[in-house]
Protein backbone atom coordinates (compact mmCIF):
# COMPACT_ATOMS: atom_id res chain seq x y z
CA MET A 1 15.87 18.49 -2.23
CA LYS A 2 14.71 16.69 0.90
CA GLU A 3 16.82 13.63 1.66
CA THR A 4 15.02 10.29 1.91
CA ARG A 5 15.33 8.66 5.34
CA ILE A 6 15.25 4.87 5.62
CA LEU A 7 15.11 2.89 8.86
CA ILE A 8 16.78 -0.54 8.79
CA VAL A 9 15.46 -2.89 11.50
CA ASP A 10 17.39 -6.14 11.84
CA ASP A 11 19.06 -7.92 14.76
CA ASP A 12 21.91 -9.05 12.47
CA SER A 13 24.55 -6.30 12.61
CA ALA A 14 26.26 -7.57 9.44
CA ILE A 15 23.06 -7.17 7.44
CA ARG A 16 22.46 -3.71 8.90
CA LYS A 17 25.97 -2.59 7.97
CA PHE A 18 25.77 -4.05 4.46
CA ILE A 19 22.43 -2.41 3.63
CA ARG A 20 23.45 0.86 5.30
CA ALA A 21 26.68 1.16 3.31
CA ASN A 22 24.88 0.60 0.01
CA LEU A 23 22.02 2.96 0.78
CA GLU A 24 24.32 5.74 2.00
CA ALA A 25 26.38 5.32 -1.17
CA ARG A 26 23.18 6.27 -3.01
CA ASP A 27 22.56 9.34 -0.84
CA TYR A 28 19.87 7.91 1.41
CA LYS A 29 19.96 8.92 5.08
CA VAL A 30 19.95 5.72 7.12
CA MET A 31 18.83 4.95 10.68
CA LEU A 32 19.40 1.63 12.45
CA ALA A 33 17.51 -0.45 14.99
CA GLY A 34 18.49 -3.86 16.36
CA ASP A 35 15.10 -4.92 17.69
CA GLY A 36 11.40 -4.16 17.43
CA GLU A 37 11.06 -2.01 20.52
CA GLU A 38 13.94 0.23 19.43
CA ALA A 39 12.38 0.46 15.95
CA ILE A 40 9.05 1.78 17.27
CA LYS A 41 10.84 4.44 19.34
CA ILE A 42 12.84 5.60 16.31
CA VAL A 43 9.75 5.75 14.09
CA GLU A 44 7.92 7.83 16.71
CA ALA A 45 10.83 10.25 17.05
CA GLU A 46 12.17 10.46 13.49
CA LEU A 47 9.24 9.57 11.15
CA PRO A 48 11.34 7.88 8.43
CA ASP A 49 10.19 7.77 4.81
CA LEU A 50 10.58 3.99 4.53
CA ILE A 51 11.15 1.05 6.88
CA LEU A 52 13.05 -2.16 6.07
CA LEU A 53 11.77 -4.53 8.75
CA ASP A 54 13.18 -7.95 9.59
CA VAL A 55 10.65 -10.52 10.79
CA MET A 56 12.62 -12.66 13.27
CA MET A 57 13.92 -10.39 16.04
CA PRO A 58 14.24 -10.41 19.83
CA LYS A 59 11.88 -8.52 22.19
CA MET A 60 9.29 -7.89 19.48
CA ASP A 61 9.11 -9.59 16.09
CA GLY A 62 8.64 -7.70 12.84
CA PHE A 63 5.06 -8.92 12.40
CA THR A 64 4.04 -7.36 15.73
CA VAL A 65 6.00 -4.17 14.97
CA CYS A 66 4.25 -3.83 11.62
CA ARG A 67 0.79 -4.25 13.14
CA GLN A 68 1.51 -1.69 15.88
CA LEU A 69 2.90 0.86 13.43
CA ARG A 70 -0.15 0.48 11.19
CA GLU A 71 -2.34 1.70 14.04
CA TRP A 72 -1.01 5.24 13.57
CA THR A 73 1.31 5.60 10.58
CA GLU A 74 1.20 4.89 6.84
CA THR A 75 4.99 4.88 6.44
CA PRO A 76 5.83 2.26 3.76
CA ILE A 77 7.19 -1.01 5.17
CA ILE A 78 9.18 -3.70 3.35
CA MET A 79 9.38 -6.92 5.36
CA LEU A 80 12.65 -8.89 5.21
CA THR A 81 12.01 -12.56 5.86
CA ALA A 82 13.68 -15.95 5.64
CA ARG A 83 10.26 -17.57 5.29
CA ASP A 84 9.01 -17.91 1.75
CA SER A 85 5.71 -19.76 2.11
CA GLU A 86 2.60 -18.25 0.53
CA THR A 87 0.89 -18.24 3.94
CA ASP A 88 3.67 -16.21 5.55
CA LYS A 89 3.73 -13.68 2.71
CA VAL A 90 -0.02 -13.13 2.90
CA LYS A 91 0.29 -12.78 6.69
CA TYR A 92 2.82 -9.93 6.30
CA LEU A 93 0.67 -8.12 3.76
CA ASP A 94 -2.40 -8.55 5.95
CA ALA A 95 -0.48 -6.98 8.84
CA GLY A 96 -0.02 -3.86 6.71
CA ALA A 97 3.33 -4.39 4.98
CA ASP A 98 3.62 -2.78 1.55
CA ASP A 99 6.02 -5.39 0.24
CA TYR A 100 8.34 -8.22 1.29
CA LEU A 101 11.73 -9.62 0.30
CA THR A 102 12.79 -13.20 0.96
CA LYS A 103 16.32 -13.71 2.33
CA PRO A 104 18.79 -14.05 0.80
CA PHE A 105 18.00 -11.23 -1.62
CA SER A 106 20.20 -9.36 -4.06
CA LEU A 107 21.16 -5.74 -3.60
CA LYS A 108 19.71 -5.01 -7.05
CA GLU A 109 16.32 -6.39 -6.03
CA LEU A 110 16.31 -4.49 -2.74
CA LEU A 111 17.14 -1.18 -4.44
CA SER A 112 14.49 -1.85 -7.09
CA ARG A 113 11.80 -2.43 -4.45
CA ILE A 114 12.85 0.67 -2.50
CA LYS A 115 12.71 2.85 -5.61
CA ALA A 116 9.32 1.41 -6.61
CA ILE A 117 7.74 2.18 -3.24
CA LEU A 118 9.25 5.66 -2.97
CA ARG A 119 8.15 6.41 -6.52
CA ARG A 120 4.63 5.30 -5.64
CA VAL A 121 4.49 7.39 -2.48
CA ASN A 122 5.93 10.49 -4.11
CA SER A 123 4.07 10.29 -7.41
CA LYS A 124 1.34 12.77 -8.14
CA GLY A 125 -2.22 11.61 -7.58
CA PRO A 126 -5.38 12.40 -9.54
CA PRO A 127 -6.29 16.02 -10.40
CA VAL A 128 -7.01 18.34 -7.48
CA ASN A 129 -10.31 20.08 -6.75
CA SER A 130 -12.28 16.90 -7.35
CA LYS A 131 -14.05 14.24 -5.34
CA PHE A 132 -15.50 10.83 -5.92
CA GLN A 133 -18.58 9.91 -3.89
CA ASN A 134 -20.43 6.63 -3.77
CA GLY A 135 -23.00 6.68 -0.97
CA GLY A 136 -21.05 7.02 2.30
CA LEU A 137 -17.67 6.66 0.61
CA VAL A 138 -15.90 9.91 -0.26
CA VAL A 139 -12.50 10.04 -1.97
CA ASP A 140 -11.25 13.61 -1.75
CA PHE A 141 -8.46 13.98 -4.31
CA ALA A 142 -7.69 17.59 -3.39
CA ARG A 143 -7.19 16.86 0.32
CA ASN A 144 -5.86 13.35 -0.33
CA ILE A 145 -8.17 11.72 2.22
CA VAL A 146 -10.76 8.94 2.21
CA LYS A 147 -13.89 8.99 4.36
CA LEU A 148 -16.58 6.41 5.03
CA ASN A 149 -19.76 7.71 6.65
CA ASN A 150 -17.92 10.95 7.57
CA GLU A 151 -15.08 9.09 9.32
CA ILE A 152 -11.52 9.22 7.93
CA ILE A 153 -10.27 5.72 7.07
CA ASN A 154 -6.70 4.77 7.94
CA LEU A 155 -5.23 3.19 4.79
CA THR A 156 -1.71 2.05 4.03
CA ALA A 157 0.14 3.87 1.25
CA ALA A 158 -0.58 1.02 -1.18
CA GLU A 159 -4.27 0.79 -0.24
CA HIS A 160 -4.64 4.55 -0.52
CA LYS A 161 -3.13 4.80 -3.98
CA LEU A 162 -5.03 1.71 -5.11
CA LEU A 163 -8.37 3.24 -4.11
CA LEU A 164 -7.48 6.65 -5.60
CA TYR A 165 -6.57 5.08 -8.92
CA LEU A 166 -9.74 2.98 -9.02
CA ALA A 167 -11.91 5.96 -8.00
CA SER A 168 -10.30 8.22 -10.62
CA ASN A 169 -11.34 5.58 -13.18
CA ALA A 170 -14.79 5.00 -11.66
CA GLY A 171 -17.04 2.99 -13.96
CA ARG A 172 -14.11 1.69 -16.01
CA VAL A 173 -12.72 -1.80 -15.69
CA VAL A 174 -9.03 -1.55 -14.78
CA THR A 175 -6.95 -4.65 -15.49
CA SER A 176 -4.94 -6.31 -12.73
CA ASN A 177 -1.66 -5.51 -14.47
CA GLN A 178 -2.66 -1.87 -14.92
CA LEU A 179 -3.22 -1.64 -11.17
CA LEU A 180 0.04 -3.41 -10.36
CA GLU A 181 2.05 -1.13 -12.64
CA LYS A 182 0.32 2.10 -11.54
CA VAL A 183 0.39 1.36 -7.81
CA TRP A 184 3.53 -0.76 -7.33
CA GLY A 185 5.53 -0.28 -10.52
CA GLU A 186 6.26 -2.11 -13.79
CA GLU A 187 8.45 -4.66 -12.02
CA TYR A 188 5.34 -5.98 -10.22
CA SER A 189 3.47 -6.94 -13.40
CA GLY A 190 2.03 -10.44 -12.89
CA ASP A 191 2.33 -10.38 -9.07
CA TYR A 192 -1.40 -10.91 -8.59
CA ARG A 193 -1.11 -12.11 -4.99
CA ILE A 194 -0.01 -8.71 -3.66
CA LEU A 195 -2.90 -7.08 -5.53
CA GLN A 196 -5.48 -9.59 -4.26
CA VAL A 197 -4.37 -9.19 -0.66
CA ASN A 198 -4.52 -5.38 -0.83
CA ILE A 199 -7.95 -5.44 -2.52
CA CYS A 200 -9.16 -7.77 0.25
CA ARG A 201 -7.78 -5.47 2.97
CA LEU A 202 -9.30 -2.44 1.27
CA ARG A 203 -12.72 -4.10 1.08
CA LYS A 204 -12.60 -4.92 4.79
CA LYS A 205 -11.83 -1.31 5.68
CA LEU A 206 -14.64 -0.11 3.41
CA LYS A 207 -16.99 -2.76 4.89
CA ASP A 208 -17.62 -3.86 1.31
CA ASN A 209 -19.21 -7.29 0.83
CA VAL A 210 -17.45 -9.10 -2.00
CA LYS A 211 -20.64 -10.98 -3.00
CA GLN A 212 -22.87 -7.88 -3.01
CA SER A 213 -20.31 -5.16 -3.54
CA THR A 214 -21.26 -1.52 -3.08
CA PHE A 215 -17.88 -0.09 -4.01
CA ILE A 216 -15.36 -2.46 -5.62
CA GLN A 217 -16.38 -5.12 -8.12
CA THR A 218 -14.17 -7.95 -9.31
CA LYS A 219 -14.21 -8.69 -13.01
CA PRO A 220 -12.98 -12.33 -13.10
CA GLY A 221 -9.98 -12.82 -15.32
CA ILE A 222 -9.78 -9.09 -16.09
CA GLY A 223 -9.42 -6.83 -13.07
CA TYR A 224 -11.51 -4.52 -10.90
CA THR A 225 -13.78 -1.52 -11.07
CA VAL A 226 -15.14 1.03 -8.62
CA LEU A 227 -18.86 1.35 -9.23
CA ASN A 228 -19.97 4.69 -10.62
CA PRO A 229 -23.01 6.10 -8.77
CA VAL A 230 -25.88 7.37 -10.91
CA GLN A 231 -28.00 10.29 -9.68
CA ASP A 232 -31.73 10.62 -10.25
CA ASP A 233 -33.46 13.93 -10.99
CA ASN A 234 -33.49 14.80 -7.27
CA GLY A 235 -29.75 14.27 -6.88
CA HIS A 236 -30.10 10.95 -5.04
CA PHE A 237 -27.84 8.01 -5.74
CA ASN A 238 -30.19 5.21 -6.70
CA GLU A 239 -28.09 2.73 -8.69
CA TYR A 240 -24.54 1.85 -9.59
CA LYS A 241 -23.13 0.89 -12.92
CA THR A 242 -19.98 0.39 -14.94
CA ARG A 243 -19.38 2.12 -18.24
CA PRO A 244 -20.44 0.29 -21.39
CA LYS A 245 -17.72 -1.65 -23.21
CA SER A 246 -17.55 1.02 -25.88
CA GLU A 247 -16.25 3.48 -23.25
CA ILE A 248 -13.69 1.16 -21.68
């Protein structure tokens, strides 16, 4: 079995040592970086499976590191931060982080978040040999890629799985808690903020207008749905609909 490699990025050596010891005790392979610049070099050379990224660091802060990494890699990132304001948390998620932990955090919580993200990344997706198409949007389940107007879209791991799950249930209304549990794990049930931020980011990348949505519709107080395209007799997509309540 392939060992899981985790990069710990923190300028506090005591925190690095503490997390490293506990992760290695659970058979994870651990890499260490003391600042943002070193972290980017390690990611480029080693391609870890997960990154634990501190926010406040010398040379380059975690927010900047996260944004730069998201330009070319979908490696899951958990931000470690001493700031717990709603604004800061949304800022980290907007930068491309998959999750965040507020310091001080418990070892149990950290391990739970790590397992949840790795489970999400490694879990099997929808059935192969199938595609979802809505106008210029193509979700190719077999090749595990998303295209918009023939261009591959760079999505984070969370955004990617979120869209795949919605597309595999096209036309059905999926509740917010269903999405949270399927994409992030049962321990995220009720964490609507992380879902809202990722839906917002996904819409931006799909160039989807929230008021006149072509792809993702919000069902207030319930959840979301990906619109199901309907073909006319000539094979053209001429309208979009959700399934009747009897089918949901």
